[in-house]
């Protein structure tokens, strides 16, 4: 999913945080509410790479393979692995 849920949520976020930066605490409830029964949620919008486990859910933002360069970040992606017993793990990887 993209991450904001709606234009209204996007505008609320901009009014609340403005240019003060990124807040994962704002995004977590949005993405978790959109997929409450999912084991793994992949979201974007912020292009900020991170992996969080919360209440049994694996929540992933892979970053950006292209936009990061414009922001001075290294381009990234996420590698997901699923074991034979169904365990899902994720690792952020940088593109060279």
PDB file of N, CA and C in Angstrom:
ATOM      1  N   UNK A   1       0.843  -1.173   0.000  1.00  0.00           N
ATOM      2  CA  UNK A   1       0.000   0.000   0.000  1.00  0.00           C
ATOM      3  C   UNK A   1       0.886   1.232   0.000  1.00  0.00           C
ATOM      4  N   UNK A   2       0.312   2.321  -0.389  1.00  0.00           N
ATOM      5  CA  UNK A   2       1.107   3.549  -0.485  1.00  0.00           C
ATOM      6  C   UNK A   2       1.446   4.103   0.895  1.00  0.00           C
ATOM      7  N   UNK A   3       0.521   4.125   1.813  1.00  0.00           N
ATOM      8  CA  UNK A   3       0.863   4.516   3.167  1.00  0.00           C
ATOM      9  C   UNK A   3      -0.021   5.555   3.818  1.00  0.00           C
ATOM     10  N   UNK A   4      -0.572   6.490   3.078  1.00  0.00           N
ATOM     11  CA  UNK A   4      -1.359   7.544   3.704  1.00  0.00           C
ATOM     12  C   UNK A   4      -2.839   7.184   3.826  1.00  0.00           C
ATOM     13  N   UNK A   5      -3.341   6.371   2.943  1.00  0.00           N
ATOM     14  CA  UNK A   5      -4.733   5.959   3.020  1.00  0.00           C
ATOM     15  C   UNK A   5      -5.693   6.857   2.266  1.00  0.00           C
ATOM     16  N   UNK A   6      -5.481   8.172   2.317  1.00  0.00           N
ATOM     17  CA  UNK A   6      -6.380   9.093   1.622  1.00  0.00           C
ATOM     18  C   UNK A   6      -5.729  10.477   1.554  1.00  0.00           C
ATOM     19  N   UNK A   7      -6.276  11.330   0.693  1.00  0.00           N
ATOM     20  CA  UNK A   7      -5.798  12.716   0.617  1.00  0.00           C
ATOM     21  C   UNK A   7      -6.036  13.439   1.934  1.00  0.00           C
ATOM     22  N   UNK A   8      -7.146  13.125   2.586  1.00  0.00           N
ATOM     23  CA  UNK A   8      -7.447  13.756   3.874  1.00  0.00           C
ATOM     24  C   UNK A   8      -6.355  13.450   4.885  1.00  0.00           C
ATOM     25  N   UNK A   9      -5.956  12.186   4.970  1.00  0.00           N
ATOM     26  CA  UNK A   9      -4.894  11.794   5.896  1.00  0.00           C
ATOM     27  C   UNK A   9      -3.573  12.465   5.522  1.00  0.00           C
ATOM     28  N   UNK A  10      -3.321  12.596   4.227  1.00  0.00           N
ATOM     29  CA  UNK A  10      -2.101  13.253   3.768  1.00  0.00           C
ATOM     30  C   UNK A  10      -2.088  14.714   4.228  1.00  0.00           C
ATOM     31  N   UNK A  11      -3.207  15.409   4.053  1.00  0.00           N
ATOM     32  CA  UNK A  11      -3.286  16.810   4.472  1.00  0.00           C
ATOM     33  C   UNK A  11      -3.191  16.954   5.990  1.00  0.00           C
ATOM     34  N   UNK A  12      -3.820  16.037   6.726  1.00  0.00           N
ATOM     35  CA  UNK A  12      -3.705  16.055   8.186  1.00  0.00           C
ATOM     36  C   UNK A  12      -2.238  15.924   8.608  1.00  0.00           C
ATOM     37  N   UNK A  13      -1.534  15.003   7.947  1.00  0.00           N
ATOM     38  CA  UNK A  13      -0.120  14.778   8.262  1.00  0.00           C
ATOM     39  C   UNK A  13       0.700  16.040   7.995  1.00  0.00           C
ATOM     40  N   UNK A  14       0.479  16.660   6.839  1.00  0.00           N
ATOM     41  CA  UNK A  14       1.229  17.863   6.486  1.00  0.00           C
ATOM     42  C   UNK A  14       0.931  19.002   7.458  1.00  0.00           C
ATOM     43  N   UNK A  15      -0.318  19.143   7.869  1.00  0.00           N
ATOM     44  CA  UNK A  15      -0.665  20.193   8.820  1.00  0.00           C
ATOM     45  C   UNK A  15      -0.065  19.916  10.197  1.00  0.00           C
ATOM     46  N   UNK A  16      -0.041  18.651  10.567  1.00  0.00           N
ATOM     47  CA  UNK A  16       0.464  18.293  11.896  1.00  0.00           C
ATOM     48  C   UNK A  16       1.979  18.371  11.989  1.00  0.00           C
ATOM     49  N   UNK A  17       2.668  17.851  10.958  1.00  0.00           N
ATOM     50  CA  UNK A  17       4.120  17.762  11.027  1.00  0.00           C
ATOM     51  C   UNK A  17       4.828  18.761  10.113  1.00  0.00           C
ATOM     52  N   UNK A  18       4.108  19.300   9.127  1.00  0.00           N
ATOM     53  CA  UNK A  18       4.705  20.281   8.216  1.00  0.00           C
ATOM     54  C   UNK A  18       6.015  19.804   7.651  1.00  0.00           C
ATOM     55  N   UNK A  19       6.999  20.633   7.695  1.00  0.00           N
ATOM     56  CA  UNK A  19       8.320  20.274   7.193  1.00  0.00           C
ATOM     57  C   UNK A  19       9.232  19.731   8.266  1.00  0.00           C
ATOM     58  N   UNK A  20       8.671  19.350   9.416  1.00  0.00           N
ATOM     59  CA  UNK A  20       9.503  18.914  10.536  1.00  0.00           C
ATOM     60  C   UNK A  20      10.016  17.496  10.389  1.00  0.00           C
ATOM     61  N   UNK A  21       9.690  16.842   9.306  1.00  0.00           N
ATOM     62  CA  UNK A  21      10.246  15.510   9.090  1.00  0.00           C
ATOM     63  C   UNK A  21       9.228  14.395   9.125  1.00  0.00           C
ATOM     64  N   UNK A  22       9.746  13.221   9.268  1.00  0.00           N
ATOM     65  CA  UNK A  22       9.008  11.981   9.139  1.00  0.00           C
ATOM     66  C   UNK A  22       8.683  11.409  10.515  1.00  0.00           C
ATOM     67  N   UNK A  23       7.504  10.839  10.667  1.00  0.00           N
ATOM     68  CA  UNK A  23       7.105  10.223  11.927  1.00  0.00           C
ATOM     69  C   UNK A  23       6.503   8.843  11.664  1.00  0.00           C
ATOM     70  N   UNK A  24       7.266   7.796  11.949  1.00  0.00           N
ATOM     71  CA  UNK A  24       6.751   6.434  11.789  1.00  0.00           C
ATOM     72  C   UNK A  24       5.524   6.215  12.666  1.00  0.00           C
ATOM     73  N   UNK A  25       5.484   6.841  13.819  1.00  0.00           N
ATOM     74  CA  UNK A  25       4.358   6.676  14.735  1.00  0.00           C
ATOM     75  C   UNK A  25       3.045   7.131  14.108  1.00  0.00           C
ATOM     76  N   UNK A  26       3.118   8.055  13.168  1.00  0.00           N
ATOM     77  CA  UNK A  26       1.916   8.487  12.457  1.00  0.00           C
ATOM     78  C   UNK A  26       1.468   7.417  11.459  1.00  0.00           C
ATOM     79  N   UNK A  27       2.403   6.798  10.764  1.00  0.00           N
ATOM     80  CA  UNK A  27       2.086   5.834   9.715  1.00  0.00           C
ATOM     81  C   UNK A  27       1.631   4.477  10.234  1.00  0.00           C
ATOM     82  N   UNK A  28       2.200   4.020  11.329  1.00  0.00           N
ATOM     83  CA  UNK A  28       1.881   2.672  11.812  1.00  0.00           C
ATOM     84  C   UNK A  28       0.388   2.430  11.990  1.00  0.00           C
ATOM     85  N   UNK A  29      -0.347   3.285  12.667  1.00  0.00           N
ATOM     86  CA  UNK A  29      -1.783   3.019  12.806  1.00  0.00           C
ATOM     87  C   UNK A  29      -2.518   3.014  11.464  1.00  0.00           C
ATOM     88  N   UNK A  30      -2.089   3.844  10.530  1.00  0.00           N
ATOM     89  CA  UNK A  30      -2.751   3.893   9.221  1.00  0.00           C
ATOM     90  C   UNK A  30      -2.572   2.598   8.452  1.00  0.00           C
ATOM     91  N   UNK A  31      -1.344   2.122   8.361  1.00  0.00           N
ATOM     92  CA  UNK A  31      -1.099   0.910   7.574  1.00  0.00           C
ATOM     93  C   UNK A  31      -1.642  -0.324   8.279  1.00  0.00           C
ATOM     94  N   UNK A  32      -1.575  -0.341   9.600  1.00  0.00           N
ATOM     95  CA  UNK A  32      -2.105  -1.491  10.338  1.00  0.00           C
ATOM     96  C   UNK A  32      -3.625  -1.541  10.260  1.00  0.00           C
ATOM     97  N   UNK A  33      -4.291  -0.401  10.280  1.00  0.00           N
ATOM     98  CA  UNK A  33      -5.754  -0.372  10.165  1.00  0.00           C
ATOM     99  C   UNK A  33      -6.206  -0.806   8.776  1.00  0.00           C
ATOM    100  N   UNK A  34      -5.406  -0.521   7.762  1.00  0.00           N
ATOM    101  CA  UNK A  34      -5.768  -0.897   6.393  1.00  0.00           C
ATOM    102  C   UNK A  34      -5.631  -2.399   6.156  1.00  0.00           C
ATOM    103  N   UNK A  35      -4.806  -3.066   6.949  1.00  0.00           N
ATOM    104  CA  UNK A  35      -4.599  -4.507   6.774  1.00  0.00           C
ATOM    105  C   UNK A  35      -4.435  -5.166   8.141  1.00  0.00           C
ATOM    106  N   UNK A  36      -5.489  -5.151   8.965  1.00  0.00           N
ATOM    107  CA  UNK A  36      -5.347  -5.607  10.353  1.00  0.00           C
ATOM    108  C   UNK A  36      -5.015  -7.084  10.520  1.00  0.00           C
ATOM    109  N   UNK A  37      -5.323  -7.904   9.531  1.00  0.00           N
ATOM    110  CA  UNK A  37      -5.082  -9.334   9.665  1.00  0.00           C
ATOM    111  C   UNK A  37      -3.883  -9.815   8.861  1.00  0.00           C
ATOM    112  N   UNK A  38      -3.175  -8.893   8.235  1.00  0.00           N
ATOM    113  CA  UNK A  38      -2.020  -9.265   7.418  1.00  0.00           C
ATOM    114  C   UNK A  38      -0.829  -9.628   8.304  1.00  0.00           C
ATOM    115  N   UNK A  39      -0.070 -10.606   7.871  1.00  0.00           N
ATOM    116  CA  UNK A  39       1.170 -10.953   8.561  1.00  0.00           C
ATOM    117  C   UNK A  39       2.293 -10.006   8.159  1.00  0.00           C
ATOM    118  N   UNK A  40       2.249  -9.562   6.889  1.00  0.00           N
ATOM    119  CA  UNK A  40       3.283  -8.680   6.343  1.00  0.00           C
ATOM    120  C   UNK A  40       2.603  -7.510   5.639  1.00  0.00           C
ATOM    121  N   UNK A  41       3.052  -6.296   5.938  1.00  0.00           N
ATOM    122  CA  UNK A  41       2.547  -5.099   5.269  1.00  0.00           C
ATOM    123  C   UNK A  41       3.742  -4.375   4.660  1.00  0.00           C
ATOM    124  N   UNK A  42       3.640  -4.082   3.369  1.00  0.00           N
ATOM    125  CA  UNK A  42       4.670  -3.303   2.687  1.00  0.00           C
ATOM    126  C   UNK A  42       4.025  -1.986   2.287  1.00  0.00           C
ATOM    127  N   UNK A  43       4.637  -0.875   2.724  1.00  0.00           N
ATOM    128  CA  UNK A  43       4.083   0.427   2.387  1.00  0.00           C
ATOM    129  C   UNK A  43       5.192   1.346   1.897  1.00  0.00           C
ATOM    130  N   UNK A  44       4.788   2.448   1.315  1.00  0.00           N
ATOM    131  CA  UNK A  44       5.761   3.397   0.789  1.00  0.00           C
ATOM    132  C   UNK A  44       5.422   4.805   1.205  1.00  0.00           C
ATOM    133  N   UNK A  45       5.367   5.659   0.265  1.00  0.00           N
ATOM    134  CA  UNK A  45       5.060   7.080   0.390  1.00  0.00           C
ATOM    135  C   UNK A  45       6.236   7.882   0.923  1.00  0.00           C
ATOM    136  N   UNK A  46       6.872   7.457   2.010  1.00  0.00           N
ATOM    137  CA  UNK A  46       7.933   8.263   2.613  1.00  0.00           C
ATOM    138  C   UNK A  46       9.296   8.006   1.977  1.00  0.00           C
ATOM    139  N   UNK A  47       9.459   6.858   1.339  1.00  0.00           N
ATOM    140  CA  UNK A  47      10.729   6.444   0.749  1.00  0.00           C
ATOM    141  C   UNK A  47      11.813   6.269   1.810  1.00  0.00           C
ATOM    142  N   UNK A  48      11.403   6.156   3.072  1.00  0.00           N
ATOM    143  CA  UNK A  48      12.343   5.980   4.173  1.00  0.00           C
ATOM    144  C   UNK A  48      12.398   4.494   4.524  1.00  0.00           C
ATOM    145  N   UNK A  49      13.523   3.823   4.266  1.00  0.00           N
ATOM    146  CA  UNK A  49      13.575   2.368   4.474  1.00  0.00           C
ATOM    147  C   UNK A  49      13.573   1.981   5.949  1.00  0.00           C
ATOM    148  N   UNK A  50      12.690   1.048   6.287  1.00  0.00           N
ATOM    149  CA  UNK A  50      12.682   0.523   7.644  1.00  0.00           C
ATOM    150  C   UNK A  50      11.870  -0.761   7.736  1.00  0.00           C
ATOM    151  N   UNK A  51      12.174  -1.502   8.778  1.00  0.00           N
ATOM    152  CA  UNK A  51      11.487  -2.759   9.057  1.00  0.00           C
ATOM    153  C   UNK A  51      11.105  -2.744  10.537  1.00  0.00           C
ATOM    154  N   UNK A  52       9.820  -2.981  10.804  1.00  0.00           N
ATOM    155  CA  UNK A  52       9.312  -2.954  12.174  1.00  0.00           C
ATOM    156  C   UNK A  52       8.456  -4.191  12.390  1.00  0.00           C
ATOM    157  N   UNK A  53       8.603  -4.812  13.542  1.00  0.00           N
ATOM    158  CA  UNK A  53       7.678  -5.868  13.960  1.00  0.00           C
ATOM    159  C   UNK A  53       6.847  -5.297  15.103  1.00  0.00           C
ATOM    160  N   UNK A  54       5.513  -5.421  14.943  1.00  0.00           N
ATOM    161  CA  UNK A  54       4.627  -4.909  15.979  1.00  0.00           C
ATOM    162  C   UNK A  54       3.424  -5.826  16.093  1.00  0.00           C
ATOM    163  N   UNK A  55       3.227  -6.366  17.279  1.00  0.00           N
ATOM    164  CA  UNK A  55       2.077  -7.236  17.562  1.00  0.00           C
ATOM    165  C   UNK A  55       1.924  -8.348  16.524  1.00  0.00           C
ATOM    166  N   UNK A  56       3.026  -8.967  16.161  1.00  0.00           N
ATOM    167  CA  UNK A  56       2.995 -10.090  15.239  1.00  0.00           C
ATOM    168  C   UNK A  56       2.991  -9.724  13.763  1.00  0.00           C
ATOM    169  N   UNK A  57       2.942  -8.455  13.441  1.00  0.00           N
ATOM    170  CA  UNK A  57       2.980  -8.028  12.033  1.00  0.00           C
ATOM    171  C   UNK A  57       4.382  -7.536  11.682  1.00  0.00           C
ATOM    172  N   UNK A  58       4.805  -7.886  10.480  1.00  0.00           N
ATOM    173  CA  UNK A  58       6.055  -7.390   9.919  1.00  0.00           C
ATOM    174  C   UNK A  58       5.689  -6.235   9.002  1.00  0.00           C
ATOM    175  N   UNK A  59       6.156  -5.036   9.327  1.00  0.00           N
ATOM    176  CA  UNK A  59       5.784  -3.829   8.594  1.00  0.00           C
ATOM    177  C   UNK A  59       7.043  -3.277   7.935  1.00  0.00           C
ATOM    178  N   UNK A  60       6.968  -3.116   6.610  1.00  0.00           N
ATOM    179  CA  UNK A  60       8.166  -2.825   5.824  1.00  0.00           C
ATOM    180  C   UNK A  60       7.960  -1.628   4.919  1.00  0.00           C
ATOM    181  N   UNK A  61       8.941  -0.755   4.893  1.00  0.00           N
ATOM    182  CA  UNK A  61       9.027   0.281   3.869  1.00  0.00           C
ATOM    183  C   UNK A  61      10.352   0.027   3.155  1.00  0.00           C
ATOM    184  N   UNK A  62      10.319  -0.344   1.876  1.00  0.00           N
ATOM    185  CA  UNK A  62      11.559  -0.687   1.176  1.00  0.00           C
ATOM    186  C   UNK A  62      12.437   0.504   0.827  1.00  0.00           C
ATOM    187  N   UNK A  63      11.956   1.717   1.062  1.00  0.00           N
ATOM    188  CA  UNK A  63      12.727   2.891   0.655  1.00  0.00           C
ATOM    189  C   UNK A  63      12.428   3.214  -0.794  1.00  0.00           C
ATOM    190  N   UNK A  64      13.455   3.546  -1.531  1.00  0.00           N
ATOM    191  CA  UNK A  64      13.276   3.875  -2.944  1.00  0.00           C
ATOM    192  C   UNK A  64      14.515   3.477  -3.728  1.00  0.00           C
ATOM    193  N   UNK A  65      14.277   2.830  -4.844  1.00  0.00           N
ATOM    194  CA  UNK A  65      15.391   2.448  -5.717  1.00  0.00           C
ATOM    195  C   UNK A  65      15.887   3.626  -6.541  1.00  0.00           C
ATOM    196  N   UNK A  66      15.100   4.701  -6.609  1.00  0.00           N
ATOM    197  CA  UNK A  66      15.530   5.838  -7.428  1.00  0.00           C
ATOM    198  C   UNK A  66      15.447   7.175  -6.709  1.00  0.00           C
ATOM    199  N   UNK A  67      14.374   7.432  -5.983  1.00  0.00           N
ATOM    200  CA  UNK A  67      14.176   8.737  -5.358  1.00  0.00           C
ATOM    201  C   UNK A  67      15.240   9.044  -4.309  1.00  0.00           C
ATOM    202  N   UNK A  68      15.719   8.021  -3.634  1.00  0.00           N
ATOM    203  CA  UNK A  68      16.706   8.238  -2.585  1.00  0.00           C
ATOM    204  C   UNK A  68      17.910   9.031  -3.048  1.00  0.00           C
ATOM    205  N   UNK A  69      18.353   8.787  -4.249  1.00  0.00           N
ATOM    206  CA  UNK A  69      19.521   9.511  -4.760  1.00  0.00           C
ATOM    207  C   UNK A  69      19.271  11.011  -4.778  1.00  0.00           C
ATOM    208  N   UNK A  70      18.070  11.419  -5.151  1.00  0.00           N
ATOM    209  CA  UNK A  70      17.751  12.847  -5.200  1.00  0.00           C
ATOM    210  C   UNK A  70      17.736  13.457  -3.816  1.00  0.00           C
ATOM    211  N   UNK A  71      17.431  12.668  -2.805  1.00  0.00           N
ATOM    212  CA  UNK A  71      17.368  13.169  -1.435  1.00  0.00           C
ATOM    213  C   UNK A  71      18.697  13.011  -0.699  1.00  0.00           C
ATOM    214  N   UNK A  72      19.702  12.488  -1.394  1.00  0.00           N
ATOM    215  CA  UNK A  72      20.992  12.278  -0.769  1.00  0.00           C
ATOM    216  C   UNK A  72      21.111  10.960  -0.028  1.00  0.00           C
ATOM    217  N   UNK A  73      20.131  10.062  -0.209  1.00  0.00           N
ATOM    218  CA  UNK A  73      20.166   8.755   0.441  1.00  0.00           C
ATOM    219  C   UNK A  73      20.666   7.729  -0.563  1.00  0.00           C
ATOM    220  N   UNK A  74      21.074   6.604  -0.063  1.00  0.00           N
ATOM    221  CA  UNK A  74      21.429   5.495  -0.943  1.00  0.00           C
ATOM    222  C   UNK A  74      20.144   4.812  -1.390  1.00  0.00           C
ATOM    223  N   UNK A  75      20.063   4.403  -2.658  1.00  0.00           N
ATOM    224  CA  UNK A  75      18.875   3.686  -3.118  1.00  0.00           C
ATOM    225  C   UNK A  75      18.777   2.315  -2.445  1.00  0.00           C
ATOM    226  N   UNK A  76      17.553   1.939  -2.082  1.00  0.00           N
ATOM    227  CA  UNK A  76      17.357   0.690  -1.348  1.00  0.00           C
ATOM    228  C   UNK A  76      16.180  -0.112  -1.892  1.00  0.00           C
ATOM    229  N   UNK A  77      16.159  -1.384  -1.478  1.00  0.00           N
ATOM    230  CA  UNK A  77      15.036  -2.280  -1.712  1.00  0.00           C
ATOM    231  C   UNK A  77      14.995  -3.241  -0.537  1.00  0.00           C
ATOM    232  N   UNK A  78      13.950  -4.064  -0.442  1.00  0.00           N
ATOM    233  CA  UNK A  78      13.852  -5.041   0.637  1.00  0.00           C
ATOM    234  C   UNK A  78      13.841  -6.443   0.044  1.00  0.00           C
ATOM    235  N   UNK A  79      14.603  -7.313   0.669  1.00  0.00           N
ATOM    236  CA  UNK A  79      14.633  -8.723   0.306  1.00  0.00           C
ATOM    237  C   UNK A  79      13.834  -9.484   1.355  1.00  0.00           C
ATOM    238  N   UNK A  80      12.739 -10.110   0.919  1.00  0.00           N
ATOM    239  CA  UNK A  80      11.908 -10.924   1.815  1.00  0.00           C
ATOM    240  C   UNK A  80      12.284 -12.389   1.659  1.00  0.00           C
ATOM    241  N   UNK A  81      12.392 -13.088   2.764  1.00  0.00           N
ATOM    242  CA  UNK A  81      12.626 -14.526   2.720  1.00  0.00           C
ATOM    243  C   UNK A  81      11.544 -15.210   3.550  1.00  0.00           C
ATOM    244  N   UNK A  82      11.054 -16.309   3.032  1.00  0.00           N
ATOM    245  CA  UNK A  82      10.040 -17.098   3.726  1.00  0.00           C
ATOM    246  C   UNK A  82      10.621 -18.486   3.935  1.00  0.00           C
ATOM    247  N   UNK A  83      10.726 -18.901   5.185  1.00  0.00           N
ATOM    248  CA  UNK A  83      11.287 -20.216   5.493  1.00  0.00           C
ATOM    249  C   UNK A  83      10.237 -21.300   5.249  1.00  0.00           C
ATOM    250  N   UNK A  84      10.676 -22.528   5.277  1.00  0.00           N
ATOM    251  CA  UNK A  84       9.783 -23.664   5.041  1.00  0.00           C
ATOM    252  C   UNK A  84       8.651 -23.721   6.067  1.00  0.00           C
ATOM    253  N   UNK A  85       8.909 -23.219   7.274  1.00  0.00           N
ATOM    254  CA  UNK A  85       7.860 -23.245   8.301  1.00  0.00           C
ATOM    255  C   UNK A  85       6.989 -21.986   8.290  1.00  0.00           C
ATOM    256  N   UNK A  86       7.171 -21.122   7.275  1.00  0.00           N
ATOM    257  CA  UNK A  86       6.311 -19.962   7.106  1.00  0.00           C
ATOM    258  C   UNK A  86       6.796 -18.680   7.769  1.00  0.00           C
ATOM    259  N   UNK A  87       7.951 -18.707   8.409  1.00  0.00           N
ATOM    260  CA  UNK A  87       8.500 -17.498   9.015  1.00  0.00           C
ATOM    261  C   UNK A  87       8.968 -16.533   7.922  1.00  0.00           C
ATOM    262  N   UNK A  88       8.562 -15.278   8.046  1.00  0.00           N
ATOM    263  CA  UNK A  88       8.936 -14.264   7.058  1.00  0.00           C
ATOM    264  C   UNK A  88       9.947 -13.320   7.693  1.00  0.00           C
ATOM    265  N   UNK A  89      11.037 -13.104   6.981  1.00  0.00           N
ATOM    266  CA  UNK A  89      12.051 -12.153   7.426  1.00  0.00           C
ATOM    267  C   UNK A  89      12.323 -11.173   6.301  1.00  0.00           C
ATOM    268  N   UNK A  90      12.817 -10.019   6.672  1.00  0.00           N
ATOM    269  CA  UNK A  90      13.093  -8.976   5.691  1.00  0.00           C
ATOM    270  C   UNK A  90      14.437  -8.333   5.994  1.00  0.00           C
ATOM    271  N   UNK A  91      15.107  -7.894   4.938  1.00  0.00           N
ATOM    272  CA  UNK A  91      16.378  -7.193   5.090  1.00  0.00           C
ATOM    273  C   UNK A  91      16.428  -6.066   4.065  1.00  0.00           C
ATOM    274  N   UNK A  92      16.841  -4.901   4.517  1.00  0.00           N
ATOM    275  CA  UNK A  92      17.010  -3.761   3.613  1.00  0.00           C
ATOM    276  C   UNK A  92      18.360  -3.911   2.931  1.00  0.00           C
ATOM    277  N   UNK A  93      18.358  -3.748   1.637  1.00  0.00           N
ATOM    278  CA  UNK A  93      19.578  -3.856   0.837  1.00  0.00           C
ATOM    279  C   UNK A  93      19.779  -2.551   0.075  1.00  0.00           C
ATOM    280  N   UNK A  94      21.037  -2.144  -0.040  1.00  0.00           N
ATOM    281  CA  UNK A  94      21.367  -0.965  -0.823  1.00  0.00           C
ATOM    282  C   UNK A  94      21.727  -1.377  -2.235  1.00  0.00           C
ATOM    283  N   UNK A  95      21.299  -0.549  -3.185  1.00  0.00           N
ATOM    284  CA  UNK A  95      21.697  -0.772  -4.572  1.00  0.00           C
ATOM    285  C   UNK A  95      23.060  -0.140  -4.785  1.00  0.00           C
ATOM    286  N   UNK A  96      23.926  -0.846  -5.474  1.00  0.00           N
ATOM    287  CA  UNK A  96      25.274  -0.324  -5.725  1.00  0.00           C
ATOM    288  C   UNK A  96      25.331   0.585  -6.909  1.00  0.00           C
TER     289      UNK A  96
END
